[in-house]
Amino acid sequence: MNKSWLEEVRLISSSRRSRALGVFEFVPMVDVILMLVIFSLLVTGFIYTPGIQVDIPAVSKPNVIHGRTFMITITKGEAIYIGNSKDPIISMDNLTLQLKEFAERTRDGIVVLKADSNVKHGFLMKLMETIRTAGVRKIAFEGNKE
């Protein structure tokens, strides 16, 4: 059973090929999967806007507001939220007190109204009158870019 050296080389190379095809590297696959998970977590973190969700009307050219702001969110059911609070305010007197404190702290402060597109015009007018009587003169509406 003396085989020639050529036959032995062929046997060795064919056995190496069969072993090479059966080996699967998990480390590069795990690296790629982890990178995809990290990427998706980062991207979805920028999409979600925290706070009360309202249907804000779209605007073609919204302005950027600089300076100190006082955010008031108004939902479809005309509930009023201040800042990122999860609890609506109970009375307009409470809102007036907080607006007066804001007006005293910041002379050039801006009240930003984040109102649902289905809120009645009369309700917004009463709210704007409350804001003005508290001493704040700059009022802005938040809008989404079209």
N, C-alpha and C. Protein backbone atom coordinates (compact mmCIF):
# COMPACT_ATOMS: atom_id res chain seq x y z
N MET A 1 0.82 -1.18 0.00
CA MET A 1 0.00 0.00 0.00
C MET A 1 0.86 1.24 0.00
N ASN A 2 1.64 1.28 -0.94
CA ASN A 2 2.51 2.43 -1.10
C ASN A 2 1.86 3.40 -2.05
N LYS A 3 1.45 4.54 -1.53
CA LYS A 3 0.82 5.54 -2.37
C LYS A 3 1.86 6.54 -2.82
N SER A 4 1.61 7.09 -3.94
CA SER A 4 2.55 8.10 -4.43
C SER A 4 2.33 9.39 -3.65
N TRP A 5 3.31 10.20 -3.66
CA TRP A 5 3.23 11.46 -2.92
C TRP A 5 2.13 12.36 -3.44
N LEU A 6 1.81 12.26 -4.74
CA LEU A 6 0.75 13.07 -5.33
C LEU A 6 -0.62 12.66 -4.78
N GLU A 7 -0.83 11.37 -4.62
CA GLU A 7 -2.11 10.90 -4.07
C GLU A 7 -2.25 11.32 -2.60
N GLU A 8 -1.14 11.30 -1.86
CA GLU A 8 -1.20 11.72 -0.46
C GLU A 8 -1.51 13.21 -0.33
N VAL A 9 -0.94 14.03 -1.21
CA VAL A 9 -1.22 15.47 -1.19
C VAL A 9 -2.69 15.72 -1.53
N ARG A 10 -3.22 14.98 -2.51
CA ARG A 10 -4.63 15.14 -2.87
C ARG A 10 -5.54 14.76 -1.71
N LEU A 11 -5.22 13.70 -0.99
CA LEU A 11 -6.03 13.30 0.15
C LEU A 11 -6.00 14.35 1.26
N ILE A 12 -4.81 14.86 1.51
CA ILE A 12 -4.67 15.87 2.56
C ILE A 12 -5.42 17.14 2.19
N SER A 13 -5.28 17.61 0.95
CA SER A 13 -5.93 18.85 0.53
C SER A 13 -7.45 18.67 0.47
N SER A 14 -7.93 17.49 0.07
CA SER A 14 -9.38 17.28 0.03
C SER A 14 -9.95 17.22 1.46
N SER A 15 -9.19 16.66 2.39
CA SER A 15 -9.69 16.63 3.77
C SER A 15 -9.67 18.03 4.39
N ARG A 16 -8.71 18.85 4.01
CA ARG A 16 -8.68 20.23 4.50
C ARG A 16 -9.86 21.03 3.96
N ARG A 17 -10.18 20.81 2.70
CA ARG A 17 -11.31 21.52 2.11
C ARG A 17 -12.62 21.14 2.80
N SER A 18 -12.81 19.91 3.10
CA SER A 18 -14.06 19.50 3.73
C SER A 18 -14.15 20.07 5.14
N ARG A 19 -13.03 20.14 5.84
CA ARG A 19 -13.05 20.73 7.17
C ARG A 19 -13.25 22.25 7.10
N ALA A 20 -12.70 22.90 6.10
CA ALA A 20 -12.80 24.34 5.96
C ALA A 20 -14.25 24.75 5.64
N LEU A 21 -14.96 23.93 4.89
CA LEU A 21 -16.34 24.26 4.57
C LEU A 21 -17.25 24.08 5.78
N GLY A 22 -16.91 23.23 6.71
CA GLY A 22 -17.76 22.97 7.87
C GLY A 22 -17.56 23.95 9.01
N VAL A 23 -16.51 24.79 8.96
CA VAL A 23 -16.22 25.72 10.04
C VAL A 23 -17.02 27.01 9.81
N PHE A 24 -17.70 27.47 10.87
CA PHE A 24 -18.48 28.70 10.78
C PHE A 24 -18.04 29.62 11.91
N GLU A 25 -17.65 30.83 11.56
CA GLU A 25 -17.18 31.80 12.54
C GLU A 25 -18.36 32.59 13.09
N PHE A 26 -18.62 32.50 14.39
CA PHE A 26 -19.72 33.20 15.02
C PHE A 26 -19.34 34.63 15.45
N VAL A 27 -18.08 34.86 15.72
CA VAL A 27 -17.66 36.16 16.24
C VAL A 27 -17.97 37.31 15.27
N PRO A 28 -17.65 37.23 13.98
CA PRO A 28 -18.01 38.33 13.08
C PRO A 28 -19.52 38.52 12.96
N MET A 29 -20.27 37.41 12.98
CA MET A 29 -21.72 37.53 12.88
C MET A 29 -22.29 38.23 14.13
N VAL A 30 -21.79 37.90 15.30
CA VAL A 30 -22.24 38.53 16.54
C VAL A 30 -21.88 40.02 16.52
N ASP A 31 -20.70 40.35 16.02
CA ASP A 31 -20.30 41.75 15.91
C ASP A 31 -21.27 42.54 15.04
N VAL A 32 -21.63 41.98 13.90
CA VAL A 32 -22.54 42.66 12.99
C VAL A 32 -23.91 42.82 13.62
N ILE A 33 -24.40 41.80 14.28
CA ILE A 33 -25.72 41.87 14.92
C ILE A 33 -25.72 42.91 16.03
N LEU A 34 -24.68 42.95 16.84
CA LEU A 34 -24.61 43.95 17.91
C LEU A 34 -24.55 45.37 17.35
N MET A 35 -23.82 45.56 16.26
CA MET A 35 -23.77 46.88 15.64
C MET A 35 -25.15 47.29 15.12
N LEU A 36 -25.91 46.35 14.53
CA LEU A 36 -27.25 46.66 14.06
C LEU A 36 -28.19 47.00 15.23
N VAL A 37 -28.05 46.30 16.32
CA VAL A 37 -28.88 46.58 17.50
C VAL A 37 -28.56 47.96 18.06
N ILE A 38 -27.29 48.29 18.18
CA ILE A 38 -26.89 49.61 18.70
C ILE A 38 -27.37 50.71 17.77
N PHE A 39 -27.22 50.51 16.48
CA PHE A 39 -27.68 51.50 15.51
C PHE A 39 -29.19 51.72 15.60
N SER A 40 -29.95 50.64 15.69
CA SER A 40 -31.41 50.80 15.76
C SER A 40 -31.83 51.46 17.07
N LEU A 41 -31.14 51.19 18.17
CA LEU A 41 -31.46 51.85 19.44
C LEU A 41 -31.18 53.34 19.36
N LEU A 42 -30.08 53.72 18.74
CA LEU A 42 -29.75 55.14 18.62
C LEU A 42 -30.74 55.87 17.73
N VAL A 43 -31.12 55.26 16.62
CA VAL A 43 -32.02 55.91 15.68
C VAL A 43 -33.41 56.06 16.28
N THR A 44 -33.92 55.04 16.92
CA THR A 44 -35.27 55.13 17.49
C THR A 44 -35.30 56.09 18.68
N GLY A 45 -34.19 56.32 19.33
CA GLY A 45 -34.16 57.27 20.44
C GLY A 45 -34.38 58.69 19.97
N PHE A 46 -34.02 59.00 18.74
CA PHE A 46 -34.20 60.35 18.22
C PHE A 46 -35.58 60.55 17.60
N ILE A 47 -36.29 59.49 17.32
CA ILE A 47 -37.60 59.61 16.70
C ILE A 47 -38.67 59.92 17.72
N TYR A 48 -38.62 59.28 18.87
CA TYR A 48 -39.65 59.44 19.88
C TYR A 48 -39.53 60.78 20.58
N THR A 49 -40.64 61.50 20.67
CA THR A 49 -40.65 62.76 21.41
C THR A 49 -41.37 62.54 22.73
N PRO A 50 -40.69 62.78 23.83
CA PRO A 50 -41.32 62.53 25.13
C PRO A 50 -42.39 63.56 25.44
N GLY A 51 -43.25 63.22 26.37
CA GLY A 51 -44.29 64.15 26.79
C GLY A 51 -45.65 63.74 26.28
N ILE A 52 -46.57 64.66 26.37
CA ILE A 52 -47.94 64.42 25.93
C ILE A 52 -47.98 64.48 24.41
N GLN A 53 -48.60 63.49 23.79
CA GLN A 53 -48.66 63.43 22.34
C GLN A 53 -49.89 64.18 21.84
N VAL A 54 -49.66 65.15 20.98
CA VAL A 54 -50.74 65.92 20.37
C VAL A 54 -50.50 65.99 18.87
N ASP A 55 -51.58 66.22 18.13
CA ASP A 55 -51.52 66.35 16.68
C ASP A 55 -51.23 67.81 16.35
N ILE A 56 -49.95 68.11 16.12
CA ILE A 56 -49.54 69.50 15.85
C ILE A 56 -49.71 69.79 14.37
N PRO A 57 -50.27 70.94 14.02
CA PRO A 57 -50.43 71.27 12.61
C PRO A 57 -49.09 71.46 11.91
N ALA A 58 -49.07 71.17 10.62
CA ALA A 58 -47.85 71.32 9.82
C ALA A 58 -47.73 72.74 9.28
N VAL A 59 -46.49 73.23 9.22
CA VAL A 59 -46.19 74.57 8.74
C VAL A 59 -45.09 74.45 7.70
N SER A 60 -45.14 75.29 6.67
CA SER A 60 -44.13 75.18 5.62
C SER A 60 -42.77 75.69 6.08
N LYS A 61 -42.71 76.79 6.83
CA LYS A 61 -41.44 77.34 7.29
C LYS A 61 -41.53 77.72 8.76
N PRO A 62 -41.36 76.75 9.68
CA PRO A 62 -41.42 77.10 11.10
C PRO A 62 -40.18 77.87 11.53
N ASN A 63 -40.35 78.78 12.48
CA ASN A 63 -39.24 79.56 13.01
C ASN A 63 -38.61 78.83 14.19
N VAL A 64 -37.34 79.05 14.38
CA VAL A 64 -36.62 78.47 15.51
C VAL A 64 -36.68 79.48 16.66
N ILE A 65 -37.02 78.98 17.85
CA ILE A 65 -37.15 79.86 19.01
C ILE A 65 -35.90 79.73 19.86
N HIS A 66 -35.31 80.88 20.20
CA HIS A 66 -34.13 80.92 21.06
C HIS A 66 -34.50 81.64 22.35
N GLY A 67 -33.89 81.22 23.43
CA GLY A 67 -34.13 81.87 24.71
C GLY A 67 -34.90 80.98 25.66
N ARG A 68 -35.31 81.58 26.75
CA ARG A 68 -36.06 80.84 27.77
C ARG A 68 -37.51 80.66 27.33
N THR A 69 -37.98 79.44 27.45
CA THR A 69 -39.35 79.15 27.03
C THR A 69 -40.13 78.51 28.17
N PHE A 70 -41.43 78.68 28.10
CA PHE A 70 -42.38 78.08 29.03
C PHE A 70 -43.36 77.31 28.15
N MET A 71 -43.28 75.98 28.19
CA MET A 71 -44.07 75.14 27.29
C MET A 71 -45.43 74.82 27.90
N ILE A 72 -46.48 75.08 27.13
CA ILE A 72 -47.84 74.70 27.51
C ILE A 72 -48.38 73.79 26.42
N THR A 73 -48.81 72.59 26.82
CA THR A 73 -49.36 71.62 25.88
C THR A 73 -50.86 71.54 26.09
N ILE A 74 -51.62 71.63 25.00
CA ILE A 74 -53.08 71.55 25.05
C ILE A 74 -53.51 70.36 24.20
N THR A 75 -54.22 69.42 24.82
CA THR A 75 -54.66 68.22 24.11
C THR A 75 -55.99 68.47 23.42
N LYS A 76 -56.44 67.47 22.68
CA LYS A 76 -57.70 67.55 21.95
C LYS A 76 -58.88 67.78 22.90
N GLY A 77 -58.81 67.20 24.10
CA GLY A 77 -59.87 67.37 25.09
C GLY A 77 -59.71 68.64 25.92
N GLU A 78 -58.85 69.55 25.50
CA GLU A 78 -58.59 70.85 26.13
C GLU A 78 -58.00 70.71 27.53
N ALA A 79 -57.24 69.65 27.77
CA ALA A 79 -56.48 69.51 29.02
C ALA A 79 -55.17 70.27 28.83
N ILE A 80 -54.73 70.96 29.87
CA ILE A 80 -53.52 71.80 29.79
C ILE A 80 -52.42 71.16 30.63
N TYR A 81 -51.24 70.98 30.01
CA TYR A 81 -50.07 70.44 30.68
C TYR A 81 -48.96 71.48 30.62
N ILE A 82 -48.19 71.56 31.69
CA ILE A 82 -47.09 72.52 31.75
C ILE A 82 -45.77 71.76 31.66
N GLY A 83 -44.92 72.18 30.74
CA GLY A 83 -43.61 71.54 30.56
C GLY A 83 -43.78 70.09 30.15
N ASN A 84 -43.01 69.21 30.81
CA ASN A 84 -43.10 67.78 30.53
C ASN A 84 -43.92 67.04 31.58
N SER A 85 -44.79 67.76 32.27
CA SER A 85 -45.61 67.17 33.32
C SER A 85 -46.60 66.17 32.73
N LYS A 86 -46.82 65.09 33.46
CA LYS A 86 -47.78 64.07 33.05
C LYS A 86 -49.18 64.35 33.60
N ASP A 87 -49.28 65.27 34.55
CA ASP A 87 -50.55 65.60 35.18
C ASP A 87 -51.05 66.94 34.66
N PRO A 88 -52.32 67.00 34.22
CA PRO A 88 -52.84 68.29 33.76
C PRO A 88 -53.07 69.24 34.93
N ILE A 89 -53.06 70.53 34.61
CA ILE A 89 -53.33 71.51 35.67
C ILE A 89 -54.82 71.49 35.99
N ILE A 90 -55.13 71.76 37.23
CA ILE A 90 -56.52 71.69 37.68
C ILE A 90 -57.26 73.00 37.42
N SER A 91 -56.62 74.12 37.74
CA SER A 91 -57.31 75.40 37.60
C SER A 91 -56.46 76.39 36.83
N MET A 92 -57.13 77.36 36.24
CA MET A 92 -56.42 78.41 35.50
C MET A 92 -55.65 79.32 36.46
N ASP A 93 -56.08 79.39 37.73
CA ASP A 93 -55.36 80.19 38.72
C ASP A 93 -53.95 79.64 38.93
N ASN A 94 -53.83 78.31 38.96
CA ASN A 94 -52.51 77.67 39.10
C ASN A 94 -51.62 78.02 37.91
N LEU A 95 -52.20 78.00 36.72
CA LEU A 95 -51.45 78.36 35.51
C LEU A 95 -51.02 79.82 35.57
N THR A 96 -51.92 80.70 36.01
CA THR A 96 -51.60 82.12 36.10
C THR A 96 -50.46 82.38 37.07
N LEU A 97 -50.47 81.69 38.22
CA LEU A 97 -49.37 81.84 39.19
C LEU A 97 -48.03 81.42 38.60
N GLN A 98 -48.01 80.29 37.91
CA GLN A 98 -46.76 79.82 37.32
C GLN A 98 -46.30 80.74 36.20
N LEU A 99 -47.23 81.29 35.44
CA LEU A 99 -46.86 82.23 34.38
C LEU A 99 -46.31 83.53 34.96
N LYS A 100 -46.89 84.01 36.07
CA LYS A 100 -46.38 85.22 36.71
C LYS A 100 -44.96 85.00 37.23
N GLU A 101 -44.68 83.84 37.83
CA GLU A 101 -43.33 83.52 38.29
C GLU A 101 -42.36 83.49 37.12
N PHE A 102 -42.79 82.91 36.00
CA PHE A 102 -41.94 82.84 34.81
C PHE A 102 -41.66 84.25 34.27
N ALA A 103 -42.69 85.10 34.26
CA ALA A 103 -42.52 86.47 33.75
C ALA A 103 -41.58 87.27 34.64
N GLU A 104 -41.62 87.05 35.96
CA GLU A 104 -40.72 87.76 36.87
C GLU A 104 -39.28 87.29 36.73
N ARG A 105 -39.07 86.00 36.53
CA ARG A 105 -37.72 85.44 36.40
C ARG A 105 -37.06 85.83 35.09
N THR A 106 -37.83 85.80 34.02
CA THR A 106 -37.26 86.07 32.68
C THR A 106 -38.07 87.15 32.00
N ARG A 107 -37.43 88.27 31.74
CA ARG A 107 -38.12 89.39 31.09
C ARG A 107 -38.44 89.10 29.63
N ASP A 108 -37.54 88.40 28.94
CA ASP A 108 -37.73 88.13 27.52
C ASP A 108 -38.19 86.69 27.27
N GLY A 109 -38.86 86.10 28.25
CA GLY A 109 -39.31 84.71 28.11
C GLY A 109 -40.42 84.57 27.08
N ILE A 110 -40.48 83.41 26.47
CA ILE A 110 -41.47 83.11 25.44
C ILE A 110 -42.31 81.94 25.91
N VAL A 111 -43.63 82.09 25.82
CA VAL A 111 -44.54 80.98 26.10
C VAL A 111 -44.82 80.28 24.78
N VAL A 112 -44.52 78.97 24.74
CA VAL A 112 -44.74 78.19 23.52
C VAL A 112 -45.98 77.33 23.74
N LEU A 113 -46.96 77.51 22.87
CA LEU A 113 -48.19 76.72 22.93
C LEU A 113 -48.08 75.56 21.97
N LYS A 114 -48.14 74.36 22.52
CA LYS A 114 -48.12 73.14 21.71
C LYS A 114 -49.55 72.60 21.73
N ALA A 115 -50.36 73.12 20.81
CA ALA A 115 -51.78 72.82 20.82
C ALA A 115 -52.14 71.81 19.74
N ASP A 116 -53.04 70.93 20.09
CA ASP A 116 -53.58 69.97 19.13
C ASP A 116 -54.32 70.75 18.04
N SER A 117 -54.30 70.23 16.83
CA SER A 117 -54.93 70.96 15.72
C SER A 117 -56.46 70.99 15.84
N ASN A 118 -57.03 70.19 16.73
CA ASN A 118 -58.49 70.15 16.89
C ASN A 118 -59.00 70.97 18.07
N VAL A 119 -58.11 71.73 18.73
CA VAL A 119 -58.54 72.57 19.85
C VAL A 119 -59.33 73.75 19.30
N LYS A 120 -60.40 74.12 20.01
CA LYS A 120 -61.27 75.21 19.55
C LYS A 120 -60.54 76.56 19.65
N HIS A 121 -60.86 77.41 18.70
CA HIS A 121 -60.25 78.73 18.62
C HIS A 121 -60.55 79.56 19.86
N GLY A 122 -61.78 79.47 20.36
CA GLY A 122 -62.18 80.24 21.53
C GLY A 122 -61.38 79.85 22.77
N PHE A 123 -61.09 78.57 22.92
CA PHE A 123 -60.30 78.11 24.06
C PHE A 123 -58.89 78.67 24.00
N LEU A 124 -58.32 78.68 22.80
CA LEU A 124 -56.96 79.23 22.64
C LEU A 124 -56.94 80.73 22.92
N MET A 125 -57.99 81.43 22.52
CA MET A 125 -58.04 82.88 22.77
C MET A 125 -58.12 83.17 24.27
N LYS A 126 -58.89 82.39 25.02
CA LYS A 126 -58.97 82.56 26.47
C LYS A 126 -57.62 82.27 27.12
N LEU A 127 -56.95 81.23 26.62
CA LEU A 127 -55.64 80.87 27.16
C LEU A 127 -54.62 81.97 26.87
N MET A 128 -54.65 82.53 25.69
CA MET A 128 -53.72 83.61 25.35
C MET A 128 -54.00 84.86 26.20
N GLU A 129 -55.26 85.11 26.49
CA GLU A 129 -55.60 86.24 27.36
C GLU A 129 -55.06 86.01 28.77
N THR A 130 -55.14 84.77 29.26
CA THR A 130 -54.58 84.43 30.57
C THR A 130 -53.08 84.65 30.58
N ILE A 131 -52.41 84.26 29.51
CA ILE A 131 -50.95 84.42 29.42
C ILE A 131 -50.59 85.90 29.43
N ARG A 132 -51.31 86.71 28.70
CA ARG A 132 -51.01 88.15 28.64
C ARG A 132 -51.28 88.83 29.97
N THR A 133 -52.35 88.45 30.67
CA THR A 133 -52.64 89.08 31.97
C THR A 133 -51.61 88.68 33.02
N ALA A 134 -50.92 87.56 32.80
CA ALA A 134 -49.86 87.16 33.72
C ALA A 134 -48.58 87.96 33.50
N GLY A 135 -48.50 88.70 32.42
CA GLY A 135 -47.34 89.55 32.18
C GLY A 135 -46.41 89.08 31.09
N VAL A 136 -46.75 88.02 30.39
CA VAL A 136 -45.91 87.51 29.30
C VAL A 136 -46.44 88.08 27.99
N ARG A 137 -45.55 88.69 27.21
CA ARG A 137 -45.97 89.33 25.96
C ARG A 137 -45.61 88.50 24.72
N LYS A 138 -44.65 87.61 24.85
CA LYS A 138 -44.22 86.83 23.68
C LYS A 138 -44.85 85.44 23.74
N ILE A 139 -45.67 85.15 22.74
CA ILE A 139 -46.36 83.87 22.66
C ILE A 139 -46.07 83.28 21.28
N ALA A 140 -45.75 82.00 21.25
CA ALA A 140 -45.47 81.32 19.98
C ALA A 140 -46.24 79.99 19.95
N PHE A 141 -46.55 79.55 18.75
CA PHE A 141 -47.20 78.25 18.56
C PHE A 141 -46.19 77.29 17.97
N GLU A 142 -46.19 76.06 18.47
CA GLU A 142 -45.29 75.04 17.93
C GLU A 142 -45.94 74.41 16.71
N GLY A 143 -45.14 74.16 15.71
CA GLY A 143 -45.65 73.53 14.49
C GLY A 143 -44.63 72.54 13.93
N ASN A 144 -45.12 71.54 13.22
CA ASN A 144 -44.26 70.58 12.55
C ASN A 144 -43.93 71.07 11.16
N LYS A 145 -42.74 70.74 10.69
CA LYS A 145 -42.36 71.12 9.33
C LYS A 145 -43.02 70.15 8.36
N GLU A 146 -43.57 70.69 7.28
CA GLU A 146 -44.24 69.85 6.28
C GLU A 146 -43.28 68.95 5.57
